[in-house]
Protein backbone atom coordinates (compact mmCIF):
# COMPACT_ATOMS: atom_id res chain seq x y z
CA MET A 1 174.40 -60.85 10.57
CA LEU A 2 177.59 -59.66 12.29
CA PRO A 3 180.77 -58.97 10.30
CA ARG A 4 183.36 -61.71 10.03
CA GLN A 5 186.70 -61.50 11.83
CA GLU A 6 188.52 -60.14 8.77
CA THR A 7 186.33 -57.04 8.63
CA VAL A 8 187.73 -55.89 11.99
CA LEU A 9 190.66 -54.30 10.08
CA GLN A 10 188.13 -52.02 8.37
CA LEU A 11 186.96 -50.54 11.71
CA LEU A 12 188.18 -47.14 12.73
CA LEU A 13 189.36 -47.01 16.34
CA LEU A 14 189.71 -43.54 17.81
CA VAL A 15 191.50 -43.30 21.14
CA PHE A 16 190.93 -40.65 23.86
CA GLY A 17 188.68 -37.57 23.97
CA ILE A 18 185.43 -39.31 23.13
CA PRO A 19 182.23 -37.25 23.41
CA GLY A 20 179.56 -38.74 25.62
CA LEU A 21 181.96 -41.05 27.46
CA ALA A 22 181.01 -41.53 31.11
CA LEU A 23 184.25 -40.92 33.02
CA GLY A 24 185.29 -43.78 35.25
CA GLN A 25 182.87 -46.23 33.65
CA ASP A 26 184.12 -49.27 31.76
CA GLY A 27 182.28 -50.91 28.88
CA VAL A 28 180.13 -49.41 26.15
CA THR A 29 178.87 -46.02 27.33
CA ASN A 30 177.36 -44.38 24.25
CA VAL A 31 175.99 -45.39 20.84
CA VAL A 32 175.31 -42.80 18.12
CA ALA A 33 173.66 -43.35 14.74
CA THR A 34 174.24 -41.32 11.59
CA PRO A 35 172.69 -42.03 8.18
CA ASP A 36 175.71 -44.15 7.27
CA GLN A 37 177.43 -45.25 10.47
CA ILE A 38 176.99 -46.52 14.00
CA ILE A 39 179.54 -45.06 16.45
CA VAL A 40 180.14 -47.15 19.57
CA SER A 41 182.07 -45.41 22.37
CA GLY A 42 183.32 -46.58 25.74
CA ARG A 43 186.30 -47.61 27.80
CA CYS A 44 188.21 -50.84 27.98
CA PRO A 45 189.43 -51.97 31.46
CA PRO A 46 193.10 -52.78 32.15
CA SER A 47 192.49 -56.45 31.46
CA ALA A 48 191.54 -55.70 27.82
CA CYS A 49 188.18 -56.35 26.17
CA ALA A 50 186.34 -57.31 23.02
CA VAL A 51 183.32 -55.39 21.65
CA PHE A 52 180.40 -57.37 20.26
CA GLU A 53 177.24 -56.53 18.36
CA LEU A 54 173.93 -58.13 19.40
CA ALA A 55 170.70 -58.41 17.43
CA PRO A 56 167.68 -56.73 19.09
CA PHE A 57 166.26 -60.07 20.27
CA GLU A 58 169.58 -61.23 21.79
CA THR A 59 170.93 -60.84 25.32
CA THR A 60 174.52 -60.67 26.51
CA THR A 61 174.56 -64.46 26.84
CA SER A 62 174.71 -64.60 23.03
CA VAL A 63 178.26 -63.24 22.76
CA SER A 64 179.78 -66.70 23.04
CA ALA A 65 178.41 -67.50 19.58
CA ARG A 66 179.57 -64.24 17.98
CA GLN A 67 182.75 -62.89 16.44
CA PRO A 68 183.82 -59.60 18.07
CA LEU A 69 183.80 -56.33 16.17
CA VAL A 70 187.18 -55.52 17.67
CA VAL A 71 189.58 -56.76 20.37
CA LEU A 72 191.33 -54.10 22.46
CA LYS A 73 194.51 -54.54 24.52
CA GLY A 74 194.77 -52.76 27.85
CA GLN A 75 192.85 -49.84 29.30
CA THR A 76 191.82 -47.32 26.66
CA ASN A 77 188.97 -45.13 25.56
CA PHE A 78 187.54 -46.26 22.25
CA SER A 79 185.22 -45.19 19.49
CA ILE A 80 184.35 -47.80 16.88
CA ARG A 81 182.64 -46.88 13.62
CA VAL A 82 180.81 -49.53 11.63
CA PRO A 83 178.57 -49.20 8.55
CA ARG A 84 174.95 -48.74 9.52
CA GLN A 85 173.76 -51.22 6.89
CA GLN A 86 175.07 -54.77 7.08
CA ARG A 87 173.57 -56.52 4.06
CA SER A 88 169.80 -56.16 4.66
CA VAL A 89 170.16 -55.50 8.40
CA ASP A 90 169.88 -51.99 9.81
CA ARG A 91 172.21 -51.76 12.80
CA LEU A 92 170.07 -48.94 14.14
CA TYR A 93 168.30 -51.67 16.14
CA SER A 94 171.46 -53.46 17.37
CA SER A 95 173.03 -53.22 20.80
CA PHE A 96 176.73 -53.34 21.62
CA VAL A 97 178.58 -54.77 24.59
CA ALA A 98 182.15 -55.05 25.88
CA VAL A 99 183.36 -58.39 27.25
CA GLU A 100 186.60 -59.45 28.90
CA PRO A 101 188.25 -62.05 26.64
CA ALA A 102 188.57 -65.72 27.57
CA PRO A 103 188.98 -67.27 29.99
CA GLN A 104 187.02 -64.67 32.06
CA THR A 105 184.42 -63.74 29.40
CA ARG A 106 182.87 -61.30 31.88
CA VAL A 107 180.36 -58.80 30.51
CA ILE A 108 181.52 -55.28 31.30
CA GLY A 109 178.57 -53.13 32.21
CA THR A 110 175.67 -54.00 29.93
CA ASN A 111 174.72 -53.88 26.29
CA ARG A 112 173.69 -50.44 24.97
CA PHE A 113 171.48 -49.30 22.12
CA VAL A 114 171.44 -46.17 19.97
CA GLU A 115 170.67 -43.08 22.06
CA ASP A 116 171.43 -40.30 19.60
CA PHE A 117 170.18 -40.00 16.01
CA ARG A 118 172.23 -37.50 14.00
CA GLY A 119 171.72 -36.16 10.50
CA PHE A 120 168.67 -38.22 9.57
CA SER A 121 166.44 -36.94 6.79
CA ARG A 122 163.10 -36.94 8.56
CA ASN A 123 160.15 -34.81 9.54
CA GLU A 124 161.39 -32.14 11.97
CA GLU A 125 157.99 -30.56 12.62
CA PRO A 126 157.49 -29.68 16.27
CA PHE A 127 155.09 -31.76 18.32
CA PRO A 128 151.59 -30.26 17.95
CA VAL A 129 150.06 -28.16 20.72
CA PRO A 130 146.29 -28.66 20.50
CA ALA A 131 143.72 -26.22 21.88
CA SER A 132 142.47 -28.62 24.56
CA LYS A 133 142.78 -32.13 26.00
CA LYS A 134 139.40 -33.39 24.73
CA GLY A 135 139.70 -36.66 22.85
CA LEU A 136 137.83 -39.78 21.80
CA GLN A 137 138.47 -43.30 20.60
CA VAL A 138 136.75 -42.61 17.31
CA GLN A 139 134.20 -44.84 15.62
CA MET A 140 132.24 -42.25 13.60
CA VAL A 141 134.64 -39.67 12.18
CA ASP A 142 132.05 -37.06 11.18
CA ASP A 143 130.37 -37.19 14.57
CA ALA A 144 133.73 -36.95 16.35
CA LEU A 145 134.58 -33.79 14.41
CA ALA A 146 131.13 -32.33 15.17
CA LEU A 147 131.90 -32.92 18.86
CA GLY A 148 135.01 -30.77 18.50
CA ILE A 149 137.61 -33.36 19.48
CA LYS A 150 141.28 -32.34 19.58
CA HIS A 151 142.66 -35.88 20.06
CA ALA A 152 141.78 -39.26 18.61
CA ALA A 153 142.99 -42.77 19.36
CA LEU A 154 142.76 -45.47 16.70
CA ASN A 155 143.40 -49.19 17.20
CA VAL A 156 145.84 -50.77 14.74
CA ASN A 157 146.02 -54.58 14.71
CA LEU A 158 149.41 -55.39 13.20
CA SER A 159 148.45 -59.04 12.70
CA SER A 160 145.79 -57.96 10.22
CA LEU A 161 148.11 -55.53 8.42
CA VAL A 162 150.99 -57.89 7.64
CA VAL A 163 150.88 -59.91 4.41
CA LEU A 164 153.58 -62.54 3.93
CA THR A 165 153.65 -62.73 0.13
CA ASN A 166 153.05 -60.40 -2.79
CA GLU A 167 149.35 -60.88 -3.50
CA PRO A 168 146.99 -58.83 -5.71
CA ALA A 169 145.45 -57.21 -2.59
CA SER A 170 148.79 -56.42 -0.95
CA LEU A 171 150.60 -53.11 -0.71
CA PRO A 172 154.37 -53.46 -1.31
CA TRP A 173 156.78 -51.39 0.77
CA THR A 174 160.58 -51.24 0.67
CA ARG A 175 162.92 -50.40 3.53
CA ASN A 176 166.71 -50.23 3.77
CA GLY A 177 166.78 -49.82 0.00
CA ASN A 178 166.30 -53.50 -0.82
CA GLU A 179 164.04 -55.21 1.72
CA LYS A 180 160.53 -55.73 0.31
CA LEU A 181 157.58 -56.25 2.65
CA TYR A 182 153.84 -56.38 2.10
CA PHE A 183 150.77 -55.04 3.90
CA ASN A 184 147.03 -55.46 3.48
CA ALA A 185 146.07 -52.65 1.11
CA ALA A 186 142.40 -52.44 2.10
CA ARG A 187 143.15 -52.20 5.81
CA VAL A 188 145.91 -49.65 5.29
CA GLN A 189 143.66 -47.51 3.11
CA ALA A 190 140.86 -47.65 5.70
CA LEU A 191 143.32 -46.41 8.32
CA ASP A 192 144.54 -43.72 5.90
CA ARG A 193 141.01 -42.35 5.55
CA GLN A 194 140.61 -41.99 9.31
CA VAL A 195 144.05 -40.51 9.94
CA LYS A 196 143.89 -38.07 7.04
CA THR A 197 140.36 -36.82 7.72
CA LEU A 198 141.03 -36.31 11.41
CA SER A 199 144.49 -34.79 11.08
CA GLU A 200 143.29 -32.38 8.40
CA SER A 201 140.98 -31.03 11.12
CA ASN A 202 144.02 -30.56 13.40
CA VAL A 203 143.19 -33.58 15.55
CA VAL A 204 146.24 -35.14 17.26
CA ILE A 205 146.32 -38.83 16.33
CA SER A 206 147.42 -41.64 18.64
CA LEU A 207 147.82 -45.11 17.13
CA ILE A 208 147.28 -47.97 19.60
CA LEU A 209 149.55 -50.74 18.29
CA LEU A 210 148.20 -54.23 18.99
CA SER A 211 148.64 -57.82 17.86
CA TYR A 212 145.58 -60.03 18.08
CA ALA A 213 145.76 -63.75 17.49
CA SER A 214 145.04 -64.48 13.83
CA SER A 215 143.25 -67.42 12.26
CA ARG A 216 146.53 -68.07 10.39
CA ALA A 217 149.26 -69.97 12.23
CA ASP A 218 152.02 -68.46 10.06
CA ILE A 219 150.98 -64.92 11.02
CA ASN A 220 150.79 -65.85 14.70
CA LYS A 221 154.27 -67.38 14.59
CA LEU A 222 155.67 -64.08 13.35
CA MET A 223 153.58 -61.52 15.21
CA LEU A 224 152.81 -63.13 18.59
CA HIS A 225 155.38 -63.77 21.28
CA PRO A 226 156.30 -67.50 21.36
CA GLY A 227 154.98 -67.66 24.92
CA TYR A 228 151.49 -66.54 23.89
CA ASP A 229 148.86 -68.80 25.48
CA PRO A 230 145.79 -69.58 23.31
CA LYS A 231 143.80 -69.55 26.54
CA ALA A 232 144.36 -65.81 26.81
CA PRO A 233 140.90 -64.39 27.50
CA ASN A 234 141.02 -61.53 24.97
CA HIS A 235 143.23 -63.16 22.30
CA LEU A 236 145.54 -60.16 22.49
CA GLY A 237 149.21 -61.09 22.43
CA ALA A 238 152.56 -59.61 23.32
CA PHE A 239 154.69 -58.61 20.34
CA ASN A 240 157.23 -61.16 19.15
CA THR A 241 160.56 -59.76 20.34
CA ALA A 242 162.06 -63.22 20.82
CA THR A 243 162.96 -64.31 17.27
CA ALA A 244 164.80 -62.82 14.30
CA ASP A 245 161.76 -63.07 11.99
CA GLY A 246 159.49 -61.67 14.70
CA VAL A 247 161.68 -58.60 15.23
CA ARG A 248 162.06 -58.15 11.47
CA HIS A 249 158.32 -57.98 10.89
CA LEU A 250 157.63 -56.01 14.06
CA SER A 251 160.20 -53.33 13.24
CA ALA A 252 158.98 -53.25 9.64
CA SER A 253 155.38 -52.74 10.78
CA PHE A 254 156.39 -49.91 13.11
CA GLU A 255 158.54 -48.33 10.40
CA PHE A 256 155.78 -48.62 7.81
CA LEU A 257 153.37 -46.71 10.07
CA GLY A 258 156.04 -44.25 11.20
CA GLU A 259 157.08 -43.43 7.63
CA ARG A 260 153.52 -43.27 6.26
CA TYR A 261 152.15 -40.94 8.90
CA SER A 262 155.23 -38.72 9.31
CA ARG A 263 155.48 -37.47 5.73
CA GLU A 264 155.90 -33.72 5.44
CA ASP A 265 153.37 -33.60 2.59
CA ARG A 266 150.81 -35.38 4.85
CA LEU A 267 149.67 -37.46 1.90
CA TYR A 268 148.07 -39.96 4.28
CA GLY A 269 147.66 -37.64 7.26
CA ARG A 270 149.83 -37.30 10.35
CA ALA A 271 150.03 -39.45 13.49
CA VAL A 272 152.38 -38.40 16.28
CA ASN A 273 151.68 -40.81 19.17
CA PHE A 274 152.46 -44.52 19.06
CA ILE A 275 151.15 -46.58 22.00
CA VAL A 276 152.86 -49.96 22.32
CA GLY A 277 150.45 -52.72 23.35
CA ASN A 278 147.59 -52.44 25.81
CA GLU A 279 147.45 -52.41 29.62
CA VAL A 280 150.68 -54.30 29.91
CA ASN A 281 150.67 -54.53 33.70
CA SER A 282 147.66 -56.89 33.35
CA HIS A 283 149.54 -58.82 30.68
CA TRP A 284 147.71 -62.16 30.84
CA PHE A 285 144.55 -60.35 29.77
CA TRP A 286 145.81 -57.62 27.43
CA TYR A 287 149.42 -58.38 26.37
CA ASN A 288 149.73 -62.11 26.65
CA MET A 289 153.07 -63.89 26.63
CA GLY A 290 151.98 -66.69 28.93
CA HIS A 291 152.70 -66.97 32.64
CA VAL A 292 155.81 -64.86 33.20
CA SER A 293 157.56 -62.96 35.97
CA MET A 294 157.51 -59.19 36.12
CA GLU A 295 161.16 -59.16 35.03
CA GLU A 296 160.51 -61.30 31.94
CA LEU A 297 157.53 -59.16 31.00
CA ALA A 298 159.42 -55.90 31.44
CA GLU A 299 162.47 -57.04 29.48
CA HIS A 300 160.46 -58.15 26.45
CA TYR A 301 158.19 -55.11 26.64
CA LEU A 302 161.25 -52.84 26.80
CA ARG A 303 162.49 -54.44 23.59
CA ALA A 304 159.17 -53.74 21.87
CA VAL A 305 158.97 -50.13 23.07
CA ARG A 306 162.59 -49.45 22.08
CA ILE A 307 162.08 -51.01 18.65
CA CYS A 308 159.03 -48.82 18.15
CA HIS A 309 160.91 -45.72 19.28
CA THR A 310 163.79 -46.46 16.92
CA ALA A 311 161.40 -47.08 14.00
CA VAL A 312 159.51 -43.84 14.62
CA ARG A 313 162.70 -41.84 15.14
CA LYS A 314 163.95 -42.85 11.67
CA TYR A 315 161.13 -40.78 10.16
CA SER A 316 160.06 -38.27 12.81
CA ALA A 317 162.18 -36.17 15.16
CA THR A 318 159.28 -35.50 17.52
CA GLY A 319 156.90 -38.49 17.37
CA ARG A 320 156.30 -40.00 20.81
CA VAL A 321 156.18 -43.60 22.00
CA TYR A 322 154.15 -44.67 25.03
CA LEU A 323 153.90 -47.46 27.59
CA SER A 324 150.30 -48.59 28.17
CA LEU A 325 149.15 -49.08 31.78
CA GLU A 326 145.83 -49.60 33.53
CA HIS A 327 144.93 -48.12 36.93
CA HIS A 328 146.47 -50.68 39.33
CA TRP A 329 149.49 -48.78 40.66
CA ASN A 330 150.88 -50.23 43.91
CA MET A 331 148.79 -53.37 43.67
CA ARG A 332 148.26 -55.83 40.86
CA TYR A 333 144.95 -56.82 39.31
CA GLN A 334 143.54 -59.56 41.50
CA GLY A 335 141.83 -61.43 38.68
CA GLY A 336 145.03 -63.42 38.11
CA ASP A 337 148.11 -64.64 39.93
CA ALA A 338 151.50 -62.94 40.27
CA ARG A 339 152.60 -64.32 36.88
CA GLN A 340 149.54 -62.84 35.15
CA SER A 341 149.54 -59.27 36.42
CA VAL A 342 151.92 -56.83 38.12
CA SER A 343 151.61 -53.41 39.72
CA GLY A 344 152.05 -50.54 37.30
CA ARG A 345 154.60 -48.70 39.41
CA LYS A 346 156.79 -51.79 39.88
CA LEU A 347 156.78 -52.37 36.12
CA VAL A 348 157.64 -48.74 35.31
CA ASP A 349 160.46 -48.61 37.87
CA TYR A 350 162.06 -51.78 36.49
CA PHE A 351 161.51 -50.65 32.89
CA ASN A 352 163.11 -47.27 33.58
CA GLN A 353 166.10 -48.74 35.39
CA HIS A 354 166.94 -51.08 32.52
CA ALA A 355 166.11 -48.61 29.75
CA SER A 356 168.46 -46.07 31.35
CA ALA A 357 171.27 -48.59 31.74
CA GLN A 358 170.99 -49.73 28.11
CA GLY A 359 170.65 -46.27 26.57
CA ASN A 360 167.92 -43.88 27.67
CA PHE A 361 165.23 -42.74 25.27
CA ASP A 362 162.10 -40.60 25.41
CA TRP A 363 159.32 -43.00 26.30
CA HIS A 364 156.11 -41.69 27.83
CA ILE A 365 153.02 -43.12 29.52
CA ALA A 366 149.53 -43.82 28.15
CA PHE A 367 147.51 -44.32 31.31
CA HIS A 368 143.96 -45.64 31.87
CA PRO A 369 142.55 -44.15 35.11
CA TYR A 370 139.24 -45.99 35.07
CA PRO A 371 137.14 -45.78 38.26
CA GLU A 372 137.99 -48.23 41.02
CA ASN A 373 134.85 -50.22 40.12
CA LEU A 374 134.25 -50.19 36.38
CA PHE A 375 130.52 -50.61 36.99
CA ASP A 376 130.31 -47.59 39.33
CA CYS A 377 131.14 -44.38 37.52
CA ARG A 378 131.27 -42.31 40.72
CA THR A 379 135.04 -42.18 40.72
CA TRP A 380 135.05 -39.41 43.36
CA ASN A 381 134.12 -42.15 45.88
CA ASP A 382 137.07 -44.42 45.04
CA LYS A 383 138.46 -45.82 48.30
CA THR A 384 141.67 -47.31 46.91
CA ALA A 385 142.67 -44.08 45.15
CA THR A 386 144.43 -42.22 47.94
CA PHE A 387 146.79 -39.26 47.97
CA ARG A 388 149.61 -41.28 49.48
CA ASP A 389 152.68 -42.48 47.63
CA ASP A 390 151.59 -46.07 48.24
CA THR A 391 148.09 -45.63 46.77
CA PRO A 392 146.78 -48.98 45.45
CA ARG A 393 145.17 -47.40 42.38
CA ILE A 394 145.43 -44.19 40.40
CA THR A 395 142.05 -43.01 39.11
CA PHE A 396 140.72 -39.56 38.27
CA LYS A 397 140.28 -38.96 42.00
CA ASN A 398 144.06 -38.91 42.60
CA LEU A 399 145.47 -38.49 39.09
CA GLU A 400 148.11 -36.02 40.27
CA ILE A 401 149.90 -38.89 42.03
CA LEU A 402 151.09 -40.03 38.59
CA THR A 403 152.36 -36.64 37.40
CA VAL A 404 154.15 -36.05 40.72
CA TYR A 405 155.75 -39.52 40.53
CA LEU A 406 157.10 -38.77 37.05
CA GLN A 407 158.99 -35.74 38.41
CA ARG A 408 161.38 -38.02 40.32
CA PRO A 409 164.96 -37.32 39.19
CA GLU A 410 165.62 -40.93 38.14
CA LEU A 411 162.62 -40.84 35.80
CA LEU A 412 163.44 -37.60 33.99
CA TYR A 413 164.57 -37.61 30.37
CA ARG A 414 167.06 -34.84 29.59
CA GLY A 415 165.82 -32.95 32.61
CA ALA A 416 162.09 -33.12 31.80
CA PRO A 417 159.32 -35.43 33.10
CA ARG A 418 157.77 -38.06 30.84
CA ARG A 419 154.49 -36.90 29.30
CA VAL A 420 151.14 -38.53 30.10
CA ILE A 421 148.19 -39.15 27.83
CA LEU A 422 144.98 -40.71 29.11
CA SER A 423 144.40 -42.93 26.13
CA GLU A 424 141.53 -45.15 27.29
CA GLN A 425 139.03 -44.69 30.10
CA GLY A 426 135.29 -44.36 30.34
CA PHE A 427 132.31 -44.28 32.65
CA HIS A 428 129.54 -46.84 32.85
CA SER A 429 125.92 -45.73 32.59
CA SER A 430 123.88 -48.17 34.65
CA SER A 431 120.24 -49.06 33.95
CA LYS A 432 119.12 -47.21 37.09
CA PRO A 433 117.02 -44.04 36.62
CA ASP A 434 119.99 -41.76 37.31
CA GLY A 435 122.56 -43.97 35.55
CA GLU A 436 123.09 -41.81 32.48
CA ARG A 437 123.17 -38.53 34.47
CA LEU A 438 125.80 -39.98 36.78
CA GLN A 439 127.84 -41.04 33.76
CA ALA A 440 127.72 -37.47 32.45
CA ALA A 441 128.66 -36.12 35.89
CA ALA A 442 131.62 -38.50 36.08
CA TYR A 443 132.90 -37.20 32.76
CA ALA A 444 132.53 -33.59 33.94
CA TYR A 445 134.44 -34.42 37.14
CA ALA A 446 137.20 -36.26 35.29
CA TYR A 447 137.60 -33.68 32.52
CA TYR A 448 137.85 -30.81 34.98
CA ARG A 449 140.55 -32.56 37.01
CA ALA A 450 142.55 -33.70 33.96
CA ALA A 451 142.38 -30.21 32.43
CA GLN A 452 144.14 -28.75 35.49
CA LEU A 453 147.19 -31.02 35.28
CA SER A 454 149.99 -29.61 33.11
CA GLY A 455 151.68 -33.02 32.87
CA VAL A 456 148.62 -34.56 31.16
CA ASP A 457 148.37 -33.86 27.43
CA SER A 458 145.07 -35.50 26.54
CA PHE A 459 141.97 -37.23 27.90
CA ILE A 460 140.73 -39.68 25.26
CA LEU A 461 137.35 -41.12 26.17
CA HIS A 462 136.38 -44.73 25.62
CA ARG A 463 133.82 -45.32 24.06
CA HIS A 464 132.11 -43.46 21.25
CA VAL A 465 129.19 -45.93 21.12
CA ASP A 466 128.08 -48.58 23.63
CA HIS A 467 129.38 -51.99 22.61
CA PRO A 468 127.36 -55.17 23.27
CA ALA A 469 130.49 -57.29 23.82
CA GLU A 470 132.10 -55.21 26.54
CA GLY A 471 131.17 -57.35 29.51
CA GLY A 472 127.97 -55.46 30.28
CA LEU A 473 129.63 -52.04 30.42
CA HIS A 474 127.85 -49.13 28.73
CA LEU A 475 130.61 -46.56 28.26
CA GLY A 476 129.51 -44.75 25.11
CA LEU A 477 128.33 -41.26 24.27
CA TRP A 478 125.65 -43.06 22.28
CA ARG A 479 123.50 -46.06 23.21
CA HIS A 480 121.62 -48.51 21.03
CA ASP A 481 117.83 -48.25 20.99
CA ASP A 482 116.73 -51.82 20.34
CA ALA A 483 113.13 -50.79 19.66
CA THR A 484 114.07 -48.55 16.75
CA SER A 485 117.44 -50.12 15.83
CA SER A 486 118.98 -46.66 16.02
CA LEU A 487 121.56 -44.80 18.08
CA VAL A 488 120.50 -42.37 20.80
CA LYS A 489 122.66 -39.68 22.40
CA LYS A 490 123.10 -39.99 26.15
CA PRO A 491 123.40 -36.94 28.45
CA ILE A 492 127.18 -37.31 28.41
CA TYR A 493 127.15 -36.40 24.71
CA GLU A 494 126.34 -32.73 25.28
CA VAL A 495 128.61 -32.50 28.32
CA PHE A 496 131.45 -33.88 26.19
CA ARG A 497 130.69 -31.44 23.37
CA GLN A 498 130.83 -28.45 25.68
CA ALA A 499 133.79 -29.60 27.79
CA ASP A 500 136.43 -27.36 26.20
CA THR A 501 134.18 -24.45 25.19
CA PRO A 502 133.39 -21.17 27.01
CA ASN A 503 130.08 -22.81 28.01
CA TRP A 504 131.72 -25.61 29.99
CA GLU A 505 130.72 -24.27 33.41
CA SER A 506 127.01 -24.07 32.63
CA ALA A 507 127.14 -27.47 30.90
CA PHE A 508 128.87 -29.01 33.94
CA ALA A 509 126.73 -27.28 36.62
CA PHE A 510 124.23 -30.16 36.93
CA ALA A 511 127.06 -32.39 38.15
CA LEU A 512 127.98 -30.38 41.26
CA PRO A 513 125.24 -31.75 43.57
CA LEU A 514 125.68 -35.26 42.16
CA ILE A 515 129.36 -35.15 43.08
CA GLY A 516 128.58 -33.51 46.42
CA ILE A 517 130.44 -30.22 45.95
CA LYS A 518 129.44 -26.56 45.57
CA SER A 519 132.37 -25.38 43.50
CA TRP A 520 134.81 -26.96 41.06
CA ASP A 521 137.63 -25.43 43.06
CA GLU A 522 136.94 -28.04 45.75
CA ILE A 523 138.34 -30.77 43.52
CA ARG A 524 141.16 -28.84 41.89
CA PRO A 525 144.31 -31.05 41.89
């Protein structure tokens, strides 16, 4: 809730010499958070202005229903300080905007969010630097460690974590000193066991944050975007960034995970990567908020990513937040219409433009460079993965297109390119006689190419074990033997195990003739 008019007298207005102020730019230009205060800086135009606070789910159209924080007369630089806590609301998530007073009521610039976090008591450990890029979406922890993984991705369904009342099986958690929330203790503890066991073996953990439709309508109302369509094919929804209760529970869920897995004592293990949603550019299928335009999708997704970043940054100085994209780059997935899927590049460009205007932050990209045809693992033959700027897809064949694109000046964050993790991709082993050898060769090809790219931090394979409900795809290191009801290692298993060892070249040698090359140097990015 915003302060009432009478609290304006309690605001401190500092005039002139404001750090971070963009010269010549009117409106709010910088927002800084300290443990106790939010500092809003900017410049008022000659016609005077009023500064408003907006909740994270609100747009600038909401100012007409709000009392201003302060009204300024005439052109001046300003710096407004307000308490960070307003009753049970943490203004860390708020945005701030300057508006010309009535009758014009023109928004000056745009609303801006916190860009700088100062003096927070949080984990300052540097981001880990693992020995290799080899990773896996883990199903069997012991086997994953035996394979020598350095990265692991774990799915976290927020809809199954949130509990609405204090029940015997719930885990209470308090934020902001007085706000009590509850989570499913059994599910949290199961996640703890995975995170702790893996991180104690120096595995870098990425949490894939999702929200599946629940059997409970009250959970869906909170956790799924109001536009979610029950006809969504995978029952995977966009996060609810449209309502006050939705944002409250979403930010609480992100904070709960950020606090739990950023502790310096590593009581529950450490997670450093937080991937927001899944394959958002094919949103109807994997991040459903109904039939929406690219702009609507990007604006709500930006809210979710920023909320996650803010929640993580409260507890970790170096934890990273990622956008999730599949391999359609300059084209959209053709399985739906233009209000069901968008091109990845178009989405990123729009996202970046608006994120920068509203207060830049260090988001990164979790990319899925599956082969052009998911049922043909021979990604080196991909026709729509070209080395042109307008390539329809980005797969392992032309992966460097993505890292080059991220070096564009407008996409840099504090002078450095956004980082890339390959958080989900795999290779189908067909039932043909050479199907499993080709799968292993595809992994060798992909791992070699990814390992050469300095802008790519990890290559996390999907899947650990073939899954019967994956549309006929057999992507695992293991397959099911129906005759014996047991798991059997496929050839890719040993290739994966050796990928980052001194024996990699001999383990990969079988793949050279299958790919049609004589030396790995022929496919060096």
